[in-house]
């Protein structure tokens, strides 16, 4: 039975925890879940493609989007803006498809105020030492910037209790299976289906 409305799934966690890697693997497993591409003012990393990994914007372009209410959420993180274009998310959910947002913690908490019925998943590293190793492994950031990211990560982990689920990213495939199980369970909640089945009874 086709649903009238899809799920909004929000995946967030500390920088370097592997949100992009997990989302990429999830997309290969489940074509029903649509991926919302975020906008950012940070420079592209090696291999990243505009419109696929992110919409890469100038500071002026991004601030124009803020002023015109074109973002579902936005945040400034380590001197760069990140945000979620509003129209795609709203239209996709309305069409009955699930949408996953891969966003920073500040942004996730903004979305929770607008869409409290969303499914909020916090992606955890196995340890802070492993998180630092992953960030250093990128080879794209200075020691001072890495130290800054680690300080922010500790603060973000303190906000874990504001999420519905916590998934440890120890191995990518294992994390993907946990997220798929969460989405399946959420789609079977009676609160999401009761109106549709009442219609069947009334017919």
C-alpha atoms as a PDB file:
ATOM      1  CA  UNK A   1       0.000   0.000   0.000  1.00  0.00           C
ATOM      2  CA  UNK A   2       1.493   3.307  -1.075  1.00  0.00           C
ATOM      3  CA  UNK A   3       1.816   5.806   1.742  1.00  0.00           C
ATOM      4  CA  UNK A   4       0.566   9.352   1.467  1.00  0.00           C
ATOM      5  CA  UNK A   5       3.714  10.657   3.116  1.00  0.00           C
ATOM      6  CA  UNK A   6       7.303   9.427   3.329  1.00  0.00           C
ATOM      7  CA  UNK A   7       9.654   9.439   6.305  1.00  0.00           C
ATOM      8  CA  UNK A   8      12.203  12.158   6.994  1.00  0.00           C
ATOM      9  CA  UNK A   9      15.312  10.335   8.230  1.00  0.00           C
ATOM     10  CA  UNK A  10      18.021  12.525   9.735  1.00  0.00           C
ATOM     11  CA  UNK A  11      21.500  11.024  10.113  1.00  0.00           C
ATOM     12  CA  UNK A  12      24.033  13.135  11.953  1.00  0.00           C
ATOM     13  CA  UNK A  13      27.023  12.856  14.224  1.00  0.00           C
ATOM     14  CA  UNK A  14      30.503  14.289  14.715  1.00  0.00           C
ATOM     15  CA  UNK A  15      32.625  15.378  11.756  1.00  0.00           C
ATOM     16  CA  UNK A  16      34.704  12.426  10.571  1.00  0.00           C
ATOM     17  CA  UNK A  17      32.356   9.745  11.912  1.00  0.00           C
ATOM     18  CA  UNK A  18      31.608   8.531   8.384  1.00  0.00           C
ATOM     19  CA  UNK A  19      28.148   9.947   7.636  1.00  0.00           C
ATOM     20  CA  UNK A  20      28.860  10.288   3.915  1.00  0.00           C
ATOM     21  CA  UNK A  21      30.324   6.799   3.624  1.00  0.00           C
ATOM     22  CA  UNK A  22      27.386   5.210   5.440  1.00  0.00           C
ATOM     23  CA  UNK A  23      24.820   7.154   3.382  1.00  0.00           C
ATOM     24  CA  UNK A  24      26.586   6.168   0.163  1.00  0.00           C
ATOM     25  CA  UNK A  25      26.476   2.492   1.136  1.00  0.00           C
ATOM     26  CA  UNK A  26      22.842   2.777   2.235  1.00  0.00           C
ATOM     27  CA  UNK A  27      21.837   4.166  -1.159  1.00  0.00           C
ATOM     28  CA  UNK A  28      23.292   1.081  -2.853  1.00  0.00           C
ATOM     29  CA  UNK A  29      21.185  -1.166  -0.624  1.00  0.00           C
ATOM     30  CA  UNK A  30      17.845   0.649  -0.756  1.00  0.00           C
ATOM     31  CA  UNK A  31      16.763   2.596  -3.819  1.00  0.00           C
ATOM     32  CA  UNK A  32      13.481   3.611  -2.127  1.00  0.00           C
ATOM     33  CA  UNK A  33      15.313   6.047   0.147  1.00  0.00           C
ATOM     34  CA  UNK A  34      15.998   9.354  -1.585  1.00  0.00           C
ATOM     35  CA  UNK A  35      19.138  11.266  -0.660  1.00  0.00           C
ATOM     36  CA  UNK A  36      18.931  14.999  -0.019  1.00  0.00           C
ATOM     37  CA  UNK A  37      22.034  16.839  -1.219  1.00  0.00           C
ATOM     38  CA  UNK A  38      23.190  19.552   1.189  1.00  0.00           C
ATOM     39  CA  UNK A  39      24.613  22.941   0.273  1.00  0.00           C
ATOM     40  CA  UNK A  40      27.942  24.129   1.702  1.00  0.00           C
ATOM     41  CA  UNK A  41      30.508  26.883   1.343  1.00  0.00           C
ATOM     42  CA  UNK A  42      33.474  24.605   2.082  1.00  0.00           C
ATOM     43  CA  UNK A  43      35.859  23.658  -0.715  1.00  0.00           C
ATOM     44  CA  UNK A  44      35.264  20.323  -2.486  1.00  0.00           C
ATOM     45  CA  UNK A  45      37.443  17.420  -1.355  1.00  0.00           C
ATOM     46  CA  UNK A  46      39.164  15.194  -3.904  1.00  0.00           C
ATOM     47  CA  UNK A  47      36.575  13.263  -5.895  1.00  0.00           C
ATOM     48  CA  UNK A  48      33.563  15.246  -4.705  1.00  0.00           C
ATOM     49  CA  UNK A  49      31.142  16.387  -7.417  1.00  0.00           C
ATOM     50  CA  UNK A  50      28.921  19.471  -7.314  1.00  0.00           C
ATOM     51  CA  UNK A  51      25.251  18.453  -7.139  1.00  0.00           C
ATOM     52  CA  UNK A  52      26.117  14.885  -6.121  1.00  0.00           C
ATOM     53  CA  UNK A  53      28.047  15.142  -2.843  1.00  0.00           C
ATOM     54  CA  UNK A  54      27.100  18.771  -2.111  1.00  0.00           C
ATOM     55  CA  UNK A  55      25.904  21.903  -3.828  1.00  0.00           C
ATOM     56  CA  UNK A  56      29.065  23.990  -3.488  1.00  0.00           C
ATOM     57  CA  UNK A  57      28.128  27.658  -2.964  1.00  0.00           C
ATOM     58  CA  UNK A  58      29.936  30.911  -2.348  1.00  0.00           C
ATOM     59  CA  UNK A  59      29.291  32.678   0.960  1.00  0.00           C
ATOM     60  CA  UNK A  60      27.177  35.274  -0.882  1.00  0.00           C
ATOM     61  CA  UNK A  61      25.060  32.599  -2.615  1.00  0.00           C
ATOM     62  CA  UNK A  62      24.467  30.762   0.638  1.00  0.00           C
ATOM     63  CA  UNK A  63      23.466  33.917   2.533  1.00  0.00           C
ATOM     64  CA  UNK A  64      20.993  34.688  -0.278  1.00  0.00           C
ATOM     65  CA  UNK A  65      19.407  31.248   0.326  1.00  0.00           C
ATOM     66  CA  UNK A  66      19.140  32.001   4.056  1.00  0.00           C
ATOM     67  CA  UNK A  67      17.489  35.363   3.451  1.00  0.00           C
ATOM     68  CA  UNK A  68      14.945  33.845   1.054  1.00  0.00           C
ATOM     69  CA  UNK A  69      13.947  30.959   3.368  1.00  0.00           C
ATOM     70  CA  UNK A  70      15.225  28.394   0.853  1.00  0.00           C
ATOM     71  CA  UNK A  71      16.830  26.179   3.516  1.00  0.00           C
ATOM     72  CA  UNK A  72      15.175  23.689   5.826  1.00  0.00           C
ATOM     73  CA  UNK A  73      18.098  24.142   8.204  1.00  0.00           C
ATOM     74  CA  UNK A  74      21.531  25.683   8.158  1.00  0.00           C
ATOM     75  CA  UNK A  75      24.510  26.008  10.425  1.00  0.00           C
ATOM     76  CA  UNK A  76      27.955  27.557  10.451  1.00  0.00           C
ATOM     77  CA  UNK A  77      30.603  24.985  11.312  1.00  0.00           C
ATOM     78  CA  UNK A  78      34.362  25.678  11.476  1.00  0.00           C
ATOM     79  CA  UNK A  79      33.972  28.863   9.369  1.00  0.00           C
ATOM     80  CA  UNK A  80      31.809  27.247   6.656  1.00  0.00           C
ATOM     81  CA  UNK A  81      28.054  27.203   6.075  1.00  0.00           C
ATOM     82  CA  UNK A  82      26.107  23.951   5.659  1.00  0.00           C
ATOM     83  CA  UNK A  83      22.391  23.675   4.906  1.00  0.00           C
ATOM     84  CA  UNK A  84      19.543  21.645   3.411  1.00  0.00           C
ATOM     85  CA  UNK A  85      17.592  23.032   0.433  1.00  0.00           C
ATOM     86  CA  UNK A  86      13.921  23.012   1.494  1.00  0.00           C
ATOM     87  CA  UNK A  87      11.941  22.329  -1.704  1.00  0.00           C
ATOM     88  CA  UNK A  88      13.369  18.912  -2.617  1.00  0.00           C
ATOM     89  CA  UNK A  89      12.811  17.501   0.886  1.00  0.00           C
ATOM     90  CA  UNK A  90       9.217  18.695   1.192  1.00  0.00           C
ATOM     91  CA  UNK A  91       8.196  17.566  -2.296  1.00  0.00           C
ATOM     92  CA  UNK A  92       9.789  14.117  -1.954  1.00  0.00           C
ATOM     93  CA  UNK A  93       8.159  13.380   1.408  1.00  0.00           C
ATOM     94  CA  UNK A  94       4.805  14.569   0.073  1.00  0.00           C
ATOM     95  CA  UNK A  95       5.135  12.105  -2.843  1.00  0.00           C
ATOM     96  CA  UNK A  96       5.394   9.150  -0.420  1.00  0.00           C
ATOM     97  CA  UNK A  97       9.151   8.566  -0.613  1.00  0.00           C
ATOM     98  CA  UNK A  98      11.549   8.460   2.331  1.00  0.00           C
ATOM     99  CA  UNK A  99      14.278  11.116   2.394  1.00  0.00           C
ATOM    100  CA  UNK A 100      17.539  10.882   4.308  1.00  0.00           C
ATOM    101  CA  UNK A 101      19.427  13.985   5.403  1.00  0.00           C
ATOM    102  CA  UNK A 102      23.126  13.626   6.175  1.00  0.00           C
ATOM    103  CA  UNK A 103      23.778  16.761   8.218  1.00  0.00           C
ATOM    104  CA  UNK A 104      25.707  18.269  11.111  1.00  0.00           C
ATOM    105  CA  UNK A 105      24.323  18.086  14.653  1.00  0.00           C
ATOM    106  CA  UNK A 106      23.331  21.785  14.820  1.00  0.00           C
ATOM    107  CA  UNK A 107      21.284  21.356  11.667  1.00  0.00           C
ATOM    108  CA  UNK A 108      19.651  18.146  12.885  1.00  0.00           C
ATOM    109  CA  UNK A 109      18.364  19.878  15.993  1.00  0.00           C
ATOM    110  CA  UNK A 110      16.909  22.681  13.849  1.00  0.00           C
ATOM    111  CA  UNK A 111      15.100  20.107  11.708  1.00  0.00           C
ATOM    112  CA  UNK A 112      13.709  18.451  14.835  1.00  0.00           C
ATOM    113  CA  UNK A 113      11.943  21.694  15.720  1.00  0.00           C
ATOM    114  CA  UNK A 114      10.298  21.818  12.266  1.00  0.00           C
ATOM    115  CA  UNK A 115       9.734  18.062  11.742  1.00  0.00           C
ATOM    116  CA  UNK A 116       9.427  16.437  15.191  1.00  0.00           C
ATOM    117  CA  UNK A 117       7.876  13.395  13.489  1.00  0.00           C
ATOM    118  CA  UNK A 118      11.178  12.719  11.706  1.00  0.00           C
ATOM    119  CA  UNK A 119      13.450   9.792  12.555  1.00  0.00           C
ATOM    120  CA  UNK A 120      16.660  11.081  14.147  1.00  0.00           C
ATOM    121  CA  UNK A 121      19.721   8.801  14.136  1.00  0.00           C
ATOM    122  CA  UNK A 122      23.030   9.694  15.800  1.00  0.00           C
ATOM    123  CA  UNK A 123      26.070   8.026  14.210  1.00  0.00           C
ATOM    124  CA  UNK A 124      28.740   7.295  16.806  1.00  0.00           C
ATOM    125  CA  UNK A 125      32.434   6.503  16.339  1.00  0.00           C
ATOM    126  CA  UNK A 126      33.789   3.395  18.102  1.00  0.00           C
ATOM    127  CA  UNK A 127      35.998   5.746  20.174  1.00  0.00           C
ATOM    128  CA  UNK A 128      37.307   9.318  20.136  1.00  0.00           C
ATOM    129  CA  UNK A 129      40.762   7.977  19.281  1.00  0.00           C
ATOM    130  CA  UNK A 130      39.346   6.258  16.188  1.00  0.00           C
ATOM    131  CA  UNK A 131      37.456   9.445  15.270  1.00  0.00           C
ATOM    132  CA  UNK A 132      40.693  11.445  15.383  1.00  0.00           C
ATOM    133  CA  UNK A 133      42.454   8.797  13.273  1.00  0.00           C
ATOM    134  CA  UNK A 134      39.722   9.086  10.623  1.00  0.00           C
ATOM    135  CA  UNK A 135      39.937  12.882  10.482  1.00  0.00           C
ATOM    136  CA  UNK A 136      43.754  12.792  10.315  1.00  0.00           C
ATOM    137  CA  UNK A 137      43.509  10.128   7.609  1.00  0.00           C
ATOM    138  CA  UNK A 138      41.796  12.592   5.279  1.00  0.00           C
ATOM    139  CA  UNK A 139      45.028  14.548   5.103  1.00  0.00           C
ATOM    140  CA  UNK A 140      43.085  17.740   4.366  1.00  0.00           C
ATOM    141  CA  UNK A 141      43.226  19.611   7.669  1.00  0.00           C
ATOM    142  CA  UNK A 142      45.806  21.234   9.957  1.00  0.00           C
ATOM    143  CA  UNK A 143      46.435  20.053  13.508  1.00  0.00           C
ATOM    144  CA  UNK A 144      44.659  23.148  14.894  1.00  0.00           C
ATOM    145  CA  UNK A 145      41.564  22.436  12.791  1.00  0.00           C
ATOM    146  CA  UNK A 146      41.582  18.777  13.838  1.00  0.00           C
ATOM    147  CA  UNK A 147      41.835  19.824  17.496  1.00  0.00           C
ATOM    148  CA  UNK A 148      38.870  22.152  16.940  1.00  0.00           C
ATOM    149  CA  UNK A 149      36.831  19.357  15.354  1.00  0.00           C
ATOM    150  CA  UNK A 150      37.591  17.029  18.284  1.00  0.00           C
ATOM    151  CA  UNK A 151      36.467  19.639  20.845  1.00  0.00           C
ATOM    152  CA  UNK A 152      33.216  20.132  18.916  1.00  0.00           C
ATOM    153  CA  UNK A 153      32.762  16.339  18.611  1.00  0.00           C
ATOM    154  CA  UNK A 154      32.822  15.911  22.401  1.00  0.00           C
ATOM    155  CA  UNK A 155      30.142  18.588  22.781  1.00  0.00           C
ATOM    156  CA  UNK A 156      28.017  16.973  20.063  1.00  0.00           C
ATOM    157  CA  UNK A 157      28.178  13.530  21.684  1.00  0.00           C
ATOM    158  CA  UNK A 158      26.660  15.137  24.788  1.00  0.00           C
ATOM    159  CA  UNK A 159      23.549  15.873  22.654  1.00  0.00           C
ATOM    160  CA  UNK A 160      22.973  12.199  21.835  1.00  0.00           C
ATOM    161  CA  UNK A 161      19.926  12.015  24.119  1.00  0.00           C
ATOM    162  CA  UNK A 162      18.014  14.318  21.745  1.00  0.00           C
ATOM    163  CA  UNK A 163      17.985  11.577  19.081  1.00  0.00           C
ATOM    164  CA  UNK A 164      15.675   8.584  18.647  1.00  0.00           C
ATOM    165  CA  UNK A 165      18.412   6.073  17.833  1.00  0.00           C
ATOM    166  CA  UNK A 166      22.180   5.679  18.164  1.00  0.00           C
ATOM    167  CA  UNK A 167      24.144   3.620  15.629  1.00  0.00           C
ATOM    168  CA  UNK A 168      27.837   2.864  16.102  1.00  0.00           C
ATOM    169  CA  UNK A 169      29.847   3.076  12.891  1.00  0.00           C
ATOM    170  CA  UNK A 170      32.320   0.338  13.713  1.00  0.00           C
ATOM    171  CA  UNK A 171      31.959  -1.259  10.266  1.00  0.00           C
ATOM    172  CA  UNK A 172      30.100   0.462   7.429  1.00  0.00           C
ATOM    173  CA  UNK A 173      28.025  -2.553   6.359  1.00  0.00           C
ATOM    174  CA  UNK A 174      26.981  -3.276   9.945  1.00  0.00           C
ATOM    175  CA  UNK A 175      25.950   0.362  10.452  1.00  0.00           C
ATOM    176  CA  UNK A 176      23.916   0.255   7.218  1.00  0.00           C
ATOM    177  CA  UNK A 177      22.065  -2.873   8.347  1.00  0.00           C
ATOM    178  CA  UNK A 178      21.153  -1.194  11.652  1.00  0.00           C
ATOM    179  CA  UNK A 179      19.825   1.893   9.867  1.00  0.00           C
ATOM    180  CA  UNK A 180      17.803  -0.248   7.442  1.00  0.00           C
ATOM    181  CA  UNK A 181      16.245  -2.062  10.421  1.00  0.00           C
ATOM    182  CA  UNK A 182      15.324   1.279  12.021  1.00  0.00           C
ATOM    183  CA  UNK A 183      13.681   2.538   8.812  1.00  0.00           C
ATOM    184  CA  UNK A 184      11.722  -0.711   8.376  1.00  0.00           C
ATOM    185  CA  UNK A 185      10.454  -0.553  11.957  1.00  0.00           C
ATOM    186  CA  UNK A 186       9.498   3.120  11.651  1.00  0.00           C
ATOM    187  CA  UNK A 187       7.541   2.439   8.453  1.00  0.00           C
ATOM    188  CA  UNK A 188       5.549  -0.232  10.314  1.00  0.00           C
ATOM    189  CA  UNK A 189       4.515   1.992  13.234  1.00  0.00           C
ATOM    190  CA  UNK A 190       0.752   2.022  13.612  1.00  0.00           C
ATOM    191  CA  UNK A 191       0.748   5.813  13.934  1.00  0.00           C
ATOM    192  CA  UNK A 192       2.023   6.075  10.361  1.00  0.00           C
ATOM    193  CA  UNK A 193      -0.446   3.555   8.929  1.00  0.00           C
ATOM    194  CA  UNK A 194      -3.639   3.837  10.940  1.00  0.00           C
ATOM    195  CA  UNK A 195      -5.356   6.369   8.684  1.00  0.00           C
ATOM    196  CA  UNK A 196      -4.746   4.235   5.582  1.00  0.00           C
ATOM    197  CA  UNK A 197      -6.191   1.116   7.204  1.00  0.00           C
ATOM    198  CA  UNK A 198      -9.179   3.010   8.571  1.00  0.00           C
ATOM    199  CA  UNK A 199      -9.952   3.889   4.956  1.00  0.00           C
ATOM    200  CA  UNK A 200      -9.954   0.176   4.095  1.00  0.00           C
ATOM    201  CA  UNK A 201     -12.448  -0.579   6.844  1.00  0.00           C
ATOM    202  CA  UNK A 202     -14.691   2.281   5.800  1.00  0.00           C
ATOM    203  CA  UNK A 203     -14.700   1.035   2.194  1.00  0.00           C
END
